[in-house]
Amino acid sequence: FSATLVTSKWIPERIAGGHSVSIKAVPWQASLLK
């Protein structure tokens, strides 16, 4: 099962339940640095 996940490039859900995006998709997003 683990090998299947690796070979299919399975990635756990994020943000929660999200996906990676380029900053060009949400160009108004900023990071506030403390």
Full PDB file with SEQRES, HELIX, SHEET, SSBOND, CRYST1, ORIGX, SCALE, CONECT and MASTER records, all heavy atoms in Angstrom:
SEQRES   1 A   34  PHE SER ALA THR LEU VAL THR SER LYS TRP ILE PRO GLU          
SEQRES   2 A   34  ARG ILE ALA GLY GLY HIS SER VAL SER ILE LYS ALA VAL          
SEQRES   3 A   34  PRO TRP GLN ALA SER LEU LEU LYS                              
HELIX    1 AA1 SER A    2  THR A    7  1                                   6    
CRYST1    1.000    1.000    1.000  90.00  90.00  90.00 P 1           1          
ORIGX1      1.000000  0.000000  0.000000        0.00000                         
ORIGX2      0.000000  1.000000  0.000000        0.00000                         
ORIGX3      0.000000  0.000000  1.000000        0.00000                         
SCALE1      1.000000  0.000000  0.000000        0.00000                         
SCALE2      0.000000  1.000000  0.000000        0.00000                         
SCALE3      0.000000  0.000000  1.000000        0.00000                         
ATOM      1  N   PHE A   1       0.838  -1.204   0.000  1.00  0.00           N  
ATOM      2  CA  PHE A   1       0.000   0.000   0.000  1.00  0.00           C  
ATOM      3  C   PHE A   1       0.872   1.254   0.000  1.00  0.00           C  
ATOM      4  O   PHE A   1       0.627   2.199  -0.736  1.00  0.00           O  
ATOM      5  CB  PHE A   1      -0.898  -0.013   1.232  1.00  0.00           C  
ATOM      6  CG  PHE A   1      -1.787   1.193   1.350  1.00  0.00           C  
ATOM      7  CD1 PHE A   1      -2.787   1.444   0.416  1.00  0.00           C  
ATOM      8  CD2 PHE A   1      -1.624   2.085   2.401  1.00  0.00           C  
ATOM      9  CE1 PHE A   1      -3.609   2.557   0.534  1.00  0.00           C  
ATOM     10  CE2 PHE A   1      -2.437   3.201   2.515  1.00  0.00           C  
ATOM     11  CZ  PHE A   1      -3.427   3.428   1.587  1.00  0.00           C  
ATOM     12  N   SER A   2       1.957   1.242   0.818  1.00  0.00           N  
ATOM     13  CA  SER A   2       2.859   2.383   0.893  1.00  0.00           C  
ATOM     14  C   SER A   2       3.533   2.633  -0.435  1.00  0.00           C  
ATOM     15  O   SER A   2       3.675   3.766  -0.885  1.00  0.00           O  
ATOM     16  CB  SER A   2       3.920   2.152   1.982  1.00  0.00           C  
ATOM     17  OG  SER A   2       3.308   1.992   3.241  1.00  0.00           O  
ATOM     18  N   ALA A   3       3.959   1.559  -1.090  1.00  0.00           N  
ATOM     19  CA  ALA A   3       4.619   1.693  -2.398  1.00  0.00           C  
ATOM     20  C   ALA A   3       3.667   2.270  -3.422  1.00  0.00           C  
ATOM     21  O   ALA A   3       4.039   3.084  -4.273  1.00  0.00           O  
ATOM     22  CB  ALA A   3       5.137   0.331  -2.862  1.00  0.00           C  
ATOM     23  N   THR A   4       2.403   1.859  -3.364  1.00  0.00           N  
ATOM     24  CA  THR A   4       1.400   2.390  -4.282  1.00  0.00           C  
ATOM     25  C   THR A   4       1.238   3.887  -4.104  1.00  0.00           C  
ATOM     26  O   THR A   4       1.140   4.643  -5.066  1.00  0.00           O  
ATOM     27  CB  THR A   4       0.040   1.688  -4.051  1.00  0.00           C  
ATOM     28  OG1 THR A   4       0.212   0.302  -4.241  1.00  0.00           O  
ATOM     29  CG2 THR A   4      -1.006   2.217  -5.019  1.00  0.00           C  
ATOM     30  N   LEU A   5       1.220   4.347  -2.838  1.00  0.00           N  
ATOM     31  CA  LEU A   5       1.082   5.773  -2.577  1.00  0.00           C  
ATOM     32  C   LEU A   5       2.252   6.554  -3.135  1.00  0.00           C  
ATOM     33  O   LEU A   5       2.086   7.617  -3.727  1.00  0.00           O  
ATOM     34  CB  LEU A   5       0.979   6.017  -1.063  1.00  0.00           C  
ATOM     35  CG  LEU A   5      -0.242   5.460  -0.363  1.00  0.00           C  
ATOM     36  CD1 LEU A   5      -0.196   5.813   1.129  1.00  0.00           C  
ATOM     37  CD2 LEU A   5      -1.523   6.004  -0.983  1.00  0.00           C  
ATOM     38  N   VAL A   6       3.468   6.019  -2.969  1.00  0.00           N  
ATOM     39  CA  VAL A   6       4.667   6.710  -3.450  1.00  0.00           C  
ATOM     40  C   VAL A   6       4.674   6.783  -4.967  1.00  0.00           C  
ATOM     41  O   VAL A   6       4.919   7.831  -5.561  1.00  0.00           O  
ATOM     42  CB  VAL A   6       5.932   6.001  -2.934  1.00  0.00           C  
ATOM     43  CG1 VAL A   6       7.168   6.580  -3.600  1.00  0.00           C  
ATOM     44  CG2 VAL A   6       6.041   6.150  -1.421  1.00  0.00           C  
ATOM     45  N   THR A   7       4.389   5.657  -5.629  1.00  0.00           N  
ATOM     46  CA  THR A   7       4.463   5.626  -7.089  1.00  0.00           C  
ATOM     47  C   THR A   7       3.357   6.459  -7.719  1.00  0.00           C  
ATOM     48  O   THR A   7       3.507   6.949  -8.828  1.00  0.00           O  
ATOM     49  CB  THR A   7       4.361   4.183  -7.607  1.00  0.00           C  
ATOM     50  OG1 THR A   7       3.160   3.584  -7.092  1.00  0.00           O  
ATOM     51  CG2 THR A   7       5.552   3.363  -7.149  1.00  0.00           C  
ATOM     52  N   SER A   8       2.250   6.645  -7.034  1.00  0.00           N  
ATOM     53  CA  SER A   8       1.170   7.470  -7.585  1.00  0.00           C  
ATOM     54  C   SER A   8       1.308   8.928  -7.165  1.00  0.00           C  
ATOM     55  O   SER A   8       0.441   9.737  -7.432  1.00  0.00           O  
ATOM     56  CB  SER A   8      -0.193   6.935  -7.131  1.00  0.00           C  
ATOM     57  OG  SER A   8      -0.316   7.040  -5.714  1.00  0.00           O  
ATOM     58  N   LYS A   9       2.437   9.248  -6.480  1.00  0.00           N  
ATOM     59  CA  LYS A   9       2.715  10.611  -6.038  1.00  0.00           C  
ATOM     60  C   LYS A   9       1.608  11.147  -5.147  1.00  0.00           C  
ATOM     61  O   LYS A   9       1.219  12.311  -5.221  1.00  0.00           O  
ATOM     62  CB  LYS A   9       2.946  11.538  -7.242  1.00  0.00           C  
ATOM     63  CG  LYS A   9       4.160  11.137  -8.072  1.00  0.00           C  
ATOM     64  CD  LYS A   9       4.412  12.103  -9.195  1.00  0.00           C  
ATOM     65  CE  LYS A   9       5.642  11.685  -9.993  1.00  0.00           C  
ATOM     66  NZ  LYS A   9       5.915  12.607 -11.111  1.00  0.00           N  
ATOM     67  N   TRP A  10       1.067  10.293  -4.302  1.00  0.00           N  
ATOM     68  CA  TRP A  10       0.028  10.694  -3.361  1.00  0.00           C  
ATOM     69  C   TRP A  10       0.576  11.709  -2.376  1.00  0.00           C  
ATOM     70  O   TRP A  10       1.693  11.579  -1.896  1.00  0.00           O  
ATOM     71  CB  TRP A  10      -0.483   9.471  -2.613  1.00  0.00           C  
ATOM     72  CG  TRP A  10      -1.533   9.766  -1.580  1.00  0.00           C  
ATOM     73  CD1 TRP A  10      -2.871   9.888  -1.791  1.00  0.00           C  
ATOM     74  CD2 TRP A  10      -1.331   9.938  -0.181  1.00  0.00           C  
ATOM     75  NE1 TRP A  10      -3.519  10.124  -0.606  1.00  0.00           N  
ATOM     76  CE2 TRP A  10      -2.595  10.172   0.400  1.00  0.00           C  
ATOM     77  CE3 TRP A  10      -0.203   9.928   0.633  1.00  0.00           C  
ATOM     78  CZ2 TRP A  10      -2.770  10.384   1.757  1.00  0.00           C  
ATOM     79  CZ3 TRP A  10      -0.376  10.150   1.992  1.00  0.00           C  
ATOM     80  CH2 TRP A  10      -1.636  10.376   2.537  1.00  0.00           C  
ATOM     81  N   ILE A  11      -0.200  12.763  -2.107  1.00  0.00           N  
ATOM     82  CA  ILE A  11       0.207  13.813  -1.171  1.00  0.00           C  
ATOM     83  C   ILE A  11      -0.913  14.016  -0.168  1.00  0.00           C  
ATOM     84  O   ILE A  11      -2.086  14.121  -0.552  1.00  0.00           O  
ATOM     85  CB  ILE A  11       0.467  15.143  -1.920  1.00  0.00           C  
ATOM     86  CG1 ILE A  11       1.582  14.952  -2.955  1.00  0.00           C  
ATOM     87  CG2 ILE A  11       0.858  16.242  -0.948  1.00  0.00           C  
ATOM     88  CD1 ILE A  11       1.811  16.164  -3.830  1.00  0.00           C  
ATOM     89  N   PRO A  12      -0.617  14.075   1.131  1.00  0.00           N  
ATOM     90  CA  PRO A  12      -1.655  14.312   2.128  1.00  0.00           C  
ATOM     91  C   PRO A  12      -2.372  15.632   1.878  1.00  0.00           C  
ATOM     92  O   PRO A  12      -1.796  16.574   1.334  1.00  0.00           O  
ATOM     93  CB  PRO A  12      -0.871  14.366   3.453  1.00  0.00           C  
ATOM     94  CG  PRO A  12       0.408  13.658   3.169  1.00  0.00           C  
ATOM     95  CD  PRO A  12       0.707  13.924   1.729  1.00  0.00           C  
ATOM     96  N   GLU A  13      -3.622  15.704   2.262  1.00  0.00           N  
ATOM     97  CA  GLU A  13      -4.375  16.938   2.093  1.00  0.00           C  
ATOM     98  C   GLU A  13      -3.774  18.046   2.945  1.00  0.00           C  
ATOM     99  O   GLU A  13      -3.226  17.807   4.002  1.00  0.00           O  
ATOM    100  CB  GLU A  13      -5.841  16.718   2.456  1.00  0.00           C  
ATOM    101  CG  GLU A  13      -6.567  15.846   1.442  1.00  0.00           C  
ATOM    102  CD  GLU A  13      -8.040  15.792   1.702  1.00  0.00           C  
ATOM    103  OE1 GLU A  13      -8.427  15.952   2.861  1.00  0.00           O  
ATOM    104  OE2 GLU A  13      -8.790  15.597   0.755  1.00  0.00           O  
ATOM    105  N   ARG A  14      -3.893  19.264   2.448  1.00  0.00           N  
ATOM    106  CA  ARG A  14      -3.241  20.410   3.083  1.00  0.00           C  
ATOM    107  C   ARG A  14      -4.247  21.483   3.477  1.00  0.00           C  
ATOM    108  O   ARG A  14      -5.408  21.381   3.285  1.00  0.00           O  
ATOM    109  CB  ARG A  14      -2.207  21.005   2.094  1.00  0.00           C  
ATOM    110  CG  ARG A  14      -1.146  20.001   1.622  1.00  0.00           C  
ATOM    111  CD  ARG A  14      -0.157  19.692   2.714  1.00  0.00           C  
ATOM    112  NE  ARG A  14       0.934  18.863   2.240  1.00  0.00           N  
ATOM    113  CZ  ARG A  14       2.093  19.328   1.790  1.00  0.00           C  
ATOM    114  NH1 ARG A  14       2.306  20.614   1.745  1.00  0.00           N  
ATOM    115  NH2 ARG A  14       3.040  18.506   1.404  1.00  0.00           N  
ATOM    116  N   ILE A  15      -3.927  22.593   3.974  1.00  0.00           N  
ATOM    117  CA  ILE A  15      -4.317  23.892   4.570  1.00  0.00           C  
ATOM    118  C   ILE A  15      -5.336  23.842   5.690  1.00  0.00           C  
ATOM    119  O   ILE A  15      -5.129  24.644   6.555  1.00  0.00           O  
ATOM    120  CB  ILE A  15      -4.760  24.973   3.586  1.00  0.00           C  
ATOM    121  CG1 ILE A  15      -4.862  26.334   4.278  1.00  0.00           C  
ATOM    122  CG2 ILE A  15      -5.969  24.670   2.810  1.00  0.00           C  
ATOM    123  CD1 ILE A  15      -5.341  27.511   3.479  1.00  0.00           C  
ATOM    124  N   ALA A  16      -6.259  23.091   5.996  1.00  0.00           N  
ATOM    125  CA  ALA A  16      -6.446  21.655   5.773  1.00  0.00           C  
ATOM    126  C   ALA A  16      -7.320  21.380   4.519  1.00  0.00           C  
ATOM    127  O   ALA A  16      -8.219  22.135   4.237  1.00  0.00           O  
ATOM    128  CB  ALA A  16      -7.143  21.075   7.007  1.00  0.00           C  
ATOM    129  N   GLY A  17      -7.025  20.284   3.883  1.00  0.00           N  
ATOM    130  CA  GLY A  17      -7.825  19.849   2.749  1.00  0.00           C  
ATOM    131  C   GLY A  17      -7.607  20.653   1.495  1.00  0.00           C  
ATOM    132  O   GLY A  17      -8.525  20.762   0.691  1.00  0.00           O  
ATOM    133  N   GLY A  18      -6.410  21.214   1.321  1.00  0.00           N  
ATOM    134  CA  GLY A  18      -6.164  22.060   0.164  1.00  0.00           C  
ATOM    135  C   GLY A  18      -5.162  21.497  -0.814  1.00  0.00           C  
ATOM    136  O   GLY A  18      -4.830  20.314  -0.786  1.00  0.00           O  
ATOM    137  N   HIS A  19      -4.658  22.373  -1.675  1.00  0.00           N  
ATOM    138  CA  HIS A  19      -3.701  21.984  -2.704  1.00  0.00           C  
ATOM    139  C   HIS A  19      -2.711  23.120  -2.903  1.00  0.00           C  
ATOM    140  O   HIS A  19      -3.001  24.282  -2.611  1.00  0.00           O  
ATOM    141  CB  HIS A  19      -4.429  21.676  -4.015  1.00  0.00           C  
ATOM    142  CG  HIS A  19      -5.241  22.825  -4.526  1.00  0.00           C  
ATOM    143  ND1 HIS A  19      -6.523  23.076  -4.079  1.00  0.00           N  
ATOM    144  CD2 HIS A  19      -4.962  23.815  -5.408  1.00  0.00           C  
ATOM    145  CE1 HIS A  19      -7.007  24.160  -4.677  1.00  0.00           C  
ATOM    146  NE2 HIS A  19      -6.070  24.630  -5.489  1.00  0.00           N  
ATOM    147  N   SER A  20      -1.538  22.802  -3.429  1.00  0.00           N  
ATOM    148  CA  SER A  20      -0.510  23.802  -3.682  1.00  0.00           C  
ATOM    149  C   SER A  20      -0.917  24.697  -4.855  1.00  0.00           C  
ATOM    150  O   SER A  20      -1.483  24.224  -5.841  1.00  0.00           O  
ATOM    151  CB  SER A  20       0.825  23.131  -3.998  1.00  0.00           C  
ATOM    152  OG  SER A  20       1.265  22.340  -2.919  1.00  0.00           O  
ATOM    153  N   VAL A  21      -0.618  25.983  -4.723  1.00  0.00           N  
ATOM    154  CA  VAL A  21      -0.885  26.932  -5.806  1.00  0.00           C  
ATOM    155  C   VAL A  21       0.305  27.875  -5.968  1.00  0.00           C  
ATOM    156  O   VAL A  21       1.057  28.110  -5.017  1.00  0.00           O  
ATOM    157  CB  VAL A  21      -2.159  27.776  -5.553  1.00  0.00           C  
ATOM    158  CG1 VAL A  21      -3.403  26.935  -5.662  1.00  0.00           C  
ATOM    159  CG2 VAL A  21      -2.086  28.493  -4.217  1.00  0.00           C  
ATOM    160  N   SER A  22       0.441  28.409  -7.152  1.00  0.00           N  
ATOM    161  CA  SER A  22       1.449  29.432  -7.406  1.00  0.00           C  
ATOM    162  C   SER A  22       0.956  30.765  -6.856  1.00  0.00           C  
ATOM    163  O   SER A  22      -0.252  31.027  -6.797  1.00  0.00           O  
ATOM    164  CB  SER A  22       1.697  29.554  -8.917  1.00  0.00           C  
ATOM    165  OG  SER A  22       2.400  30.746  -9.216  1.00  0.00           O  
ATOM    166  N   ILE A  23       1.877  31.628  -6.470  1.00  0.00           N  
ATOM    167  CA  ILE A  23       1.501  32.958  -5.998  1.00  0.00           C  
ATOM    168  C   ILE A  23       0.770  33.722  -7.104  1.00  0.00           C  
ATOM    169  O   ILE A  23      -0.036  34.614  -6.816  1.00  0.00           O  
ATOM    170  CB  ILE A  23       2.754  33.743  -5.528  1.00  0.00           C  
ATOM    171  CG1 ILE A  23       2.354  35.023  -4.777  1.00  0.00           C  
ATOM    172  CG2 ILE A  23       3.669  34.043  -6.692  1.00  0.00           C  
ATOM    173  CD1 ILE A  23       1.586  34.797  -3.496  1.00  0.00           C  
ATOM    174  N   LYS A  24       1.005  33.356  -8.358  1.00  0.00           N  
ATOM    175  CA  LYS A  24       0.320  34.032  -9.462  1.00  0.00           C  
ATOM    176  C   LYS A  24      -1.176  33.728  -9.477  1.00  0.00           C  
ATOM    177  O   LYS A  24      -1.959  34.464 -10.077  1.00  0.00           O  
ATOM    178  CB  LYS A  24       0.957  33.639 -10.796  1.00  0.00           C  
ATOM    179  CG  LYS A  24       2.373  34.158 -10.965  1.00  0.00           C  
ATOM    180  CD  LYS A  24       2.955  33.767 -12.315  1.00  0.00           C  
ATOM    181  CE  LYS A  24       4.375  34.304 -12.470  1.00  0.00           C  
ATOM    182  NZ  LYS A  24       4.966  33.927 -13.781  1.00  0.00           N  
ATOM    183  N   ALA A  25      -1.572  32.639  -8.820  1.00  0.00           N  
ATOM    184  CA  ALA A  25      -2.998  32.298  -8.731  1.00  0.00           C  
ATOM    185  C   ALA A  25      -3.704  33.121  -7.670  1.00  0.00           C  
ATOM    186  O   ALA A  25      -4.915  33.346  -7.744  1.00  0.00           O  
ATOM    187  CB  ALA A  25      -3.164  30.803  -8.443  1.00  0.00           C  
ATOM    188  N   VAL A  26      -2.943  33.554  -6.650  1.00  0.00           N  
ATOM    189  CA  VAL A  26      -3.494  34.386  -5.572  1.00  0.00           C  
ATOM    190  C   VAL A  26      -2.493  35.515  -5.278  1.00  0.00           C  
ATOM    191  O   VAL A  26      -1.910  35.577  -4.202  1.00  0.00           O  
ATOM    192  CB  VAL A  26      -3.793  33.558  -4.297  1.00  0.00           C  
ATOM    193  CG1 VAL A  26      -5.049  32.746  -4.444  1.00  0.00           C  
ATOM    194  CG2 VAL A  26      -2.626  32.632  -3.956  1.00  0.00           C  
ATOM    195  N   PRO A  27      -2.281  36.412  -6.252  1.00  0.00           N  
ATOM    196  CA  PRO A  27      -1.211  37.417  -6.148  1.00  0.00           C  
ATOM    197  C   PRO A  27      -1.415  38.457  -5.059  1.00  0.00           C  
ATOM    198  O   PRO A  27      -0.488  39.213  -4.757  1.00  0.00           O  
ATOM    199  CB  PRO A  27      -1.213  38.069  -7.545  1.00  0.00           C  
ATOM    200  CG  PRO A  27      -2.615  37.878  -8.044  1.00  0.00           C  
ATOM    201  CD  PRO A  27      -3.041  36.543  -7.513  1.00  0.00           C  
ATOM    202  N   TRP A  28      -2.593  38.494  -4.448  1.00  0.00           N  
ATOM    203  CA  TRP A  28      -2.871  39.413  -3.341  1.00  0.00           C  
ATOM    204  C   TRP A  28      -2.427  38.840  -2.001  1.00  0.00           C  
ATOM    205  O   TRP A  28      -2.431  39.521  -0.993  1.00  0.00           O  
ATOM    206  CB  TRP A  28      -4.366  39.713  -3.280  1.00  0.00           C  
ATOM    207  CG  TRP A  28      -5.210  38.485  -3.463  1.00  0.00           C  
ATOM    208  CD1 TRP A  28      -5.513  37.531  -2.538  1.00  0.00           C  
ATOM    209  CD2 TRP A  28      -5.811  38.046  -4.684  1.00  0.00           C  
ATOM    210  NE1 TRP A  28      -6.267  36.533  -3.077  1.00  0.00           N  
ATOM    211  CE2 TRP A  28      -6.481  36.820  -4.412  1.00  0.00           C  
ATOM    212  CE3 TRP A  28      -5.877  38.576  -5.982  1.00  0.00           C  
ATOM    213  CZ2 TRP A  28      -7.181  36.125  -5.395  1.00  0.00           C  
ATOM    214  CZ3 TRP A  28      -6.578  37.879  -6.959  1.00  0.00           C  
ATOM    215  CH2 TRP A  28      -7.221  36.669  -6.652  1.00  0.00           C  
ATOM    216  N   GLN A  29      -2.000  37.581  -1.996  1.00  0.00           N  
ATOM    217  CA  GLN A  29      -1.552  36.934  -0.759  1.00  0.00           C  
ATOM    218  C   GLN A  29      -0.183  37.468  -0.341  1.00  0.00           C  
ATOM    219  O   GLN A  29       0.735  37.582  -1.146  1.00  0.00           O  
ATOM    220  CB  GLN A  29      -1.454  35.425  -0.977  1.00  0.00           C  
ATOM    221  CG  GLN A  29      -0.879  34.653   0.200  1.00  0.00           C  
ATOM    222  CD  GLN A  29      -1.883  34.391   1.297  1.00  0.00           C  
ATOM    223  OE1 GLN A  29      -2.974  33.878   1.047  1.00  0.00           O  
ATOM    224  NE2 GLN A  29      -1.528  34.747   2.526  1.00  0.00           N  
ATOM    225  N   ALA A  30      -0.052  37.783   0.932  1.00  0.00           N  
ATOM    226  CA  ALA A  30       1.228  38.226   1.498  1.00  0.00           C  
ATOM    227  C   ALA A  30       1.517  37.435   2.760  1.00  0.00           C  
ATOM    228  O   ALA A  30       0.613  36.854   3.372  1.00  0.00           O  
ATOM    229  CB  ALA A  30       1.186  39.718   1.804  1.00  0.00           C  
ATOM    230  N   SER A  31       2.780  37.411   3.151  1.00  0.00           N  
ATOM    231  CA  SER A  31       3.201  36.796   4.403  1.00  0.00           C  
ATOM    232  C   SER A  31       3.659  37.899   5.347  1.00  0.00           C  
ATOM    233  O   SER A  31       4.497  38.730   4.981  1.00  0.00           O  
ATOM    234  CB  SER A  31       4.349  35.804   4.153  1.00  0.00           C  
ATOM    235  OG  SER A  31       4.849  35.292   5.371  1.00  0.00           O  
ATOM    236  N   LEU A  32       3.085  37.942   6.539  1.00  0.00           N  
ATOM    237  CA  LEU A  32       3.480  38.925   7.540  1.00  0.00           C  
ATOM    238  C   LEU A  32       4.601  38.327   8.384  1.00  0.00           C  
ATOM    239  O   LEU A  32       4.414  37.312   9.052  1.00  0.00           O  
ATOM    240  CB  LEU A  32       2.280  39.294   8.413  1.00  0.00           C  
ATOM    241  CG  LEU A  32       2.522  40.368   9.475  1.00  0.00           C  
ATOM    242  CD1 LEU A  32       2.903  41.703   8.833  1.00  0.00           C  
ATOM    243  CD2 LEU A  32       1.279  40.546  10.343  1.00  0.00           C  
ATOM    244  N   LEU A  33       5.774  38.955   8.337  1.00  0.00           N  
ATOM    245  CA  LEU A  33       6.950  38.457   9.047  1.00  0.00           C  
ATOM    246  C   LEU A  33       7.116  39.175  10.377  1.00  0.00           C  
ATOM    247  O   LEU A  33       7.143  40.408  10.430  1.00  0.00           O  
ATOM    248  CB  LEU A  33       8.205  38.655   8.205  1.00  0.00           C  
ATOM    249  CG  LEU A  33       8.155  38.178   6.742  1.00  0.00           C  
ATOM    250  CD1 LEU A  33       9.476  38.475   6.048  1.00  0.00           C  
ATOM    251  CD2 LEU A  33       7.832  36.691   6.663  1.00  0.00           C  
ATOM    252  N   LYS A  34       7.224  38.403  11.431  1.00  0.00           N  
ATOM    253  CA  LYS A  34       7.464  38.941  12.771  1.00  0.00           C  
ATOM    254  C   LYS A  34       8.917  38.663  13.143  1.00  0.00           C  
ATOM    255  O   LYS A  34       9.323  37.515  13.241  1.00  0.00           O  
ATOM    256  CB  LYS A  34       6.519  38.269  13.771  1.00  0.00           C  
ATOM    257  CG  LYS A  34       6.702  38.701  15.208  1.00  0.00           C  
ATOM    258  CD  LYS A  34       5.720  37.956  16.100  1.00  0.00           C  
ATOM    259  CE  LYS A  34       5.898  38.288  17.564  1.00  0.00           C  
ATOM    260  NZ  LYS A  34       4.949  37.533  18.431  1.00  0.00           N  
TER     261      LYS A  34                                                      
MASTER        0    0    0    1    0    0    0    6  260    1    0    3          
END                                                                             
